[in-house]
C-alpha atoms as a PDB file:
ATOM      1  CA  MET A   1    -104.920 -28.577 -45.943  1.00  0.00           C
ATOM      2  CA  SER A   2    -105.629 -30.454 -42.873  1.00  0.00           C
ATOM      3  CA  LYS A   3    -103.989 -29.918 -39.611  1.00  0.00           C
ATOM      4  CA  ARG A   4    -101.712 -32.822 -39.798  1.00  0.00           C
ATOM      5  CA  GLY A   5    -100.922 -31.700 -43.430  1.00  0.00           C
ATOM      6  CA  ALA A   6     -99.888 -28.267 -42.219  1.00  0.00           C
ATOM      7  CA  ARG A   7     -97.769 -29.669 -39.268  1.00  0.00           C
ATOM      8  CA  ILE A   8     -95.832 -31.906 -41.792  1.00  0.00           C
ATOM      9  CA  ALA A   9     -95.277 -29.254 -44.553  1.00  0.00           C
ATOM     10  CA  ASP A  10     -94.016 -27.065 -41.828  1.00  0.00           C
ATOM     11  CA  PHE A  11     -91.633 -29.641 -40.825  1.00  0.00           C
ATOM     12  CA  MET A  12     -90.305 -30.308 -44.183  1.00  0.00           C
ATOM     13  CA  ALA A  13     -89.917 -26.662 -44.697  1.00  0.00           C
ATOM     14  CA  LYS A  14     -87.851 -26.452 -41.713  1.00  0.00           C
ATOM     15  CA  LEU A  15     -85.616 -29.662 -42.870  1.00  0.00           C
ATOM     16  CA  SER A  16     -85.305 -27.928 -46.264  1.00  0.00           C
ATOM     17  CA  VAL A  17     -83.172 -25.003 -45.067  1.00  0.00           C
ATOM     18  CA  ASP A  18     -81.661 -26.300 -41.652  1.00  0.00           C
ATOM     19  CA  PRO A  19     -78.925 -28.866 -42.454  1.00  0.00           C
ATOM     20  CA  LYS A  20     -78.145 -29.542 -38.652  1.00  0.00           C
ATOM     21  CA  LEU A  21     -82.026 -30.485 -38.131  1.00  0.00           C
ATOM     22  CA  ARG A  22     -81.781 -32.425 -41.383  1.00  0.00           C
ATOM     23  CA  SER A  23     -78.614 -34.301 -40.170  1.00  0.00           C
ATOM     24  CA  ARG A  24     -80.183 -34.951 -36.657  1.00  0.00           C
ATOM     25  CA  PHE A  25     -83.537 -36.404 -38.314  1.00  0.00           C
ATOM     26  CA  GLN A  26     -81.616 -38.638 -40.562  1.00  0.00           C
ATOM     27  CA  GLU A  27     -79.730 -39.984 -37.516  1.00  0.00           C
ATOM     28  CA  ASP A  28     -82.680 -40.283 -35.393  1.00  0.00           C
ATOM     29  CA  PRO A  29     -86.009 -39.449 -36.783  1.00  0.00           C
ATOM     30  CA  ALA A  30     -88.113 -40.569 -33.647  1.00  0.00           C
ATOM     31  CA  ALA A  31     -86.067 -38.351 -31.317  1.00  0.00           C
ATOM     32  CA  VAL A  32     -86.621 -35.267 -33.610  1.00  0.00           C
ATOM     33  CA  ALA A  33     -90.035 -36.017 -34.457  1.00  0.00           C
ATOM     34  CA  GLY A  34     -90.682 -35.722 -30.626  1.00  0.00           C
ATOM     35  CA  GLU A  35     -88.874 -32.702 -30.232  1.00  0.00           C
ATOM     36  CA  VAL A  36     -91.084 -30.808 -32.813  1.00  0.00           C
ATOM     37  CA  GLY A  37     -94.284 -32.340 -31.927  1.00  0.00           C
ATOM     38  CA  LEU A  38     -94.667 -34.579 -34.715  1.00  0.00           C
ATOM     39  CA  THR A  39     -96.874 -37.900 -33.860  1.00  0.00           C
ATOM     40  CA  ASP A  40     -95.823 -41.498 -34.498  1.00  0.00           C
ATOM     41  CA  GLU A  41     -98.479 -41.537 -37.330  1.00  0.00           C
ATOM     42  CA  ASP A  42     -96.595 -38.307 -38.912  1.00  0.00           C
ATOM     43  CA  LEU A  43     -93.454 -40.139 -38.751  1.00  0.00           C
ATOM     44  CA  GLU A  44     -94.986 -43.144 -40.472  1.00  0.00           C
ATOM     45  CA  LEU A  45     -96.345 -40.987 -43.128  1.00  0.00           C
ATOM     46  CA  LEU A  46     -92.866 -39.056 -43.832  1.00  0.00           C
ATOM     47  CA  SER A  47     -91.028 -42.557 -44.024  1.00  0.00           C
ATOM     48  CA  GLY A  48     -93.910 -43.989 -46.514  1.00  0.00           C
ATOM     49  CA  GLY A  49     -92.588 -41.809 -49.479  1.00  0.00           C
ATOM     50  CA  ALA A  50     -93.423 -38.816 -51.673  1.00  0.00           C
ATOM     51  CA  GLY A  51     -96.740 -40.477 -53.107  1.00  0.00           C
ATOM     52  CA  GLN A  52     -98.077 -40.726 -49.211  1.00  0.00           C
ATOM     53  CA  ILE A  53     -96.944 -37.121 -48.357  1.00  0.00           C
ATOM     54  CA  GLN A  54     -98.267 -35.537 -51.308  1.00  0.00           C
ATOM     55  CA  GLN A  55    -101.790 -37.456 -50.862  1.00  0.00           C
ATOM     56  CA  GLU A  56    -101.792 -35.845 -47.226  1.00  0.00           C
ATOM     57  CA  LEU A  57    -100.824 -32.346 -48.304  1.00  0.00           C
ATOM     58  CA  GLY A  58    -103.475 -32.317 -50.945  1.00  0.00           C
ATOM     59  CA  GLY A  59    -103.359 -30.071 -54.090  1.00  0.00           C
ATOM     60  CA  ASP A  60    -101.704 -27.284 -52.307  1.00  0.00           C
ATOM     61  CA  SER A  61     -98.771 -26.439 -54.726  1.00  0.00           C
ATOM     62  CA  THR A  62     -96.903 -24.341 -52.204  1.00  0.00           C
ATOM     63  CA  ALA A  63     -96.833 -27.455 -49.774  1.00  0.00           C
ATOM     64  CA  ASN A  64     -96.256 -30.108 -52.560  1.00  0.00           C
ATOM     65  CA  CYS A  65     -92.465 -29.887 -52.715  1.00  0.00           C
ATOM     66  CA  MET A  66     -89.815 -32.529 -52.617  1.00  0.00           C
ATOM     67  CA  VAL A  67     -87.215 -32.320 -50.097  1.00  0.00           C
ATOM     68  CA  LEU A  68     -83.835 -33.878 -51.263  1.00  0.00           C
ATOM     69  CA  PHE A  69     -81.969 -35.455 -48.445  1.00  0.00           C
ATOM     70  CA  VAL A  70     -78.217 -35.299 -49.536  1.00  0.00           C
ATOM     71  CA  GLY A  71     -75.576 -36.966 -47.245  1.00  0.00           C
ATOM     72  CA  ASP A  72     -72.445 -35.212 -46.215  1.00  0.00           C
ATOM     73  CA  GLY A  73     -69.993 -34.599 -49.056  1.00  0.00           C
ATOM     74  CA  GLU A  74     -72.471 -35.727 -51.584  1.00  0.00           C
ATOM     75  CA  ALA A  75     -74.060 -33.545 -54.380  1.00  0.00           C
END
């Protein structure tokens, strides 16, 4: 996996377990991206959908996960 892929996979893993970070990212993706060291290109990739993310992460099954963003009070 590329350095970029590892950076994105690490961030996605953090989003999946940290509801405060996930909420902040939903409210202001650019600010959170800057705080965690993601580039503008990383942010663009994350907004491009699952297919683009999977392509970047490659065939690494541990990294090819889907992160479900559920709003407050939704299930």
